[in-house]
Protein backbone atom coordinates (compact mmCIF):
# COMPACT_ATOMS: atom_id res chain seq x y z
CA MET A 1 4.85 57.26 13.19
CA GLY A 2 7.45 60.54 11.87
CA ARG A 3 6.09 59.50 8.74
CA ILE A 4 2.67 59.65 9.27
CA TYR A 5 2.72 62.68 11.20
CA ALA A 6 4.77 64.56 8.29
CA GLY A 7 2.11 62.97 5.49
CA ILE A 8 -0.89 64.74 8.03
CA LEU A 9 0.98 68.04 8.85
CA GLY A 10 2.33 68.67 5.17
CA PRO A 11 -0.65 68.10 3.24
CA VAL A 12 -2.89 70.13 5.88
CA ALA A 13 -0.52 73.44 5.31
CA PHE A 14 -0.65 73.17 1.55
CA ALA A 15 -4.40 73.26 1.87
CA THR A 16 -4.49 75.50 4.60
CA VAL A 17 -2.32 78.08 2.69
CA LEU A 18 -4.42 77.37 -0.89
CA GLY A 19 -7.41 77.80 1.01
CA ARG A 20 -6.45 81.40 2.64
CA SER A 21 -5.36 82.79 -0.82
CA LEU A 22 -8.66 82.04 -2.51
CA VAL A 23 -10.37 83.93 0.54
CA ASP A 24 -8.20 86.78 0.48
CA GLY A 25 -7.86 86.42 -3.39
CA GLY A 26 -4.17 85.93 -3.82
CA GLY A 27 -1.91 85.62 -7.21
CA VAL A 28 -1.58 82.08 -8.23
CA ASP A 29 2.10 81.63 -8.92
CA SER A 30 3.02 83.31 -5.03
CA THR A 31 0.47 81.39 -3.84
CA VAL A 32 1.71 77.73 -4.88
CA LYS A 33 5.67 78.66 -4.20
CA ILE A 34 4.43 79.82 -0.51
CA ALA A 35 2.21 76.18 -0.28
CA ILE A 36 4.74 74.27 -1.65
CA ALA A 37 7.23 75.51 0.77
CA CYS A 38 4.81 75.06 3.60
CA LEU A 39 3.85 71.56 2.62
CA PHE A 40 7.90 70.84 2.89
CA VAL A 41 8.31 72.82 6.14
CA PHE A 42 5.30 71.05 8.16
CA ALA A 43 5.97 67.80 6.87
CA GLY A 44 9.65 68.27 8.60
CA ILE A 45 8.37 69.49 11.52
CA GLY A 46 5.42 66.73 11.42
CA TYR A 47 8.37 64.03 11.07
CA LEU A 48 10.22 65.38 13.88
CA ALA A 49 7.27 65.20 16.36
CA GLY A 50 6.24 61.93 15.06
CA SER A 51 9.90 60.35 15.57
CA VAL A 52 9.93 62.43 19.28
CA ALA A 53 6.80 60.95 19.94
CA ASP A 54 7.51 57.25 18.81
CA SER A 55 10.40 57.61 20.85
CA ILE A 56 8.85 58.50 23.91
CA VAL A 57 6.35 55.95 23.89
CA ARG A 58 9.21 53.36 22.99
CA ASP A 59 11.05 54.23 25.99
CA SER A 60 8.22 54.60 28.14
CA VAL A 61 6.82 50.87 27.01
CA ARG A 62 10.15 49.36 27.20
CA ALA A 63 10.83 50.81 30.95
CA ARG A 64 7.72 49.09 31.88
CA LEU A 65 8.04 45.81 30.82
CA GLU A 66 11.75 45.77 32.20
CA LEU A 67 9.99 46.81 35.10
CA GLU A 68 7.18 44.58 35.32
CA MET A 69 9.60 41.51 34.04
CA ALA A 70 12.18 42.30 37.03
CA PHE A 71 8.62 41.95 39.07
CA HIS A 72 8.34 38.77 38.19
CA GLU A 73 11.46 37.53 38.13
CA SER A 74 12.49 38.66 41.91
CA PRO A 75 12.16 35.65 44.25
CA ALA A 76 9.94 37.61 46.26
CA ALA A 77 7.51 37.86 43.48
CA PRO A 78 3.59 35.93 44.11
CA HIS A 79 3.89 33.21 41.70
CA THR A 80 0.38 32.53 40.30
CA PRO A 81 -0.33 28.86 39.39
CA ALA A 82 -0.07 27.47 35.99
CA ARG A 83 -3.92 27.06 34.19
CA THR A 84 -5.00 23.72 33.49
């Protein structure tokens, strides 16, 4: 998920800087340098945010699965009849 977020946030930041420069009439050299820097910074932020989100989702699913498995393996759990 980190790569996906990086692939979205980086180009969005790049395009935002270019768009702002077009509106404000900035110079080409400085605009491209700032846009490239923002591309890498926001891609890094996106990668970190996506990695954290992926970790949180995986941990949540794992905990839920372990809870369900423990419930079904306990002797007091009601057994459902097999379907035929």
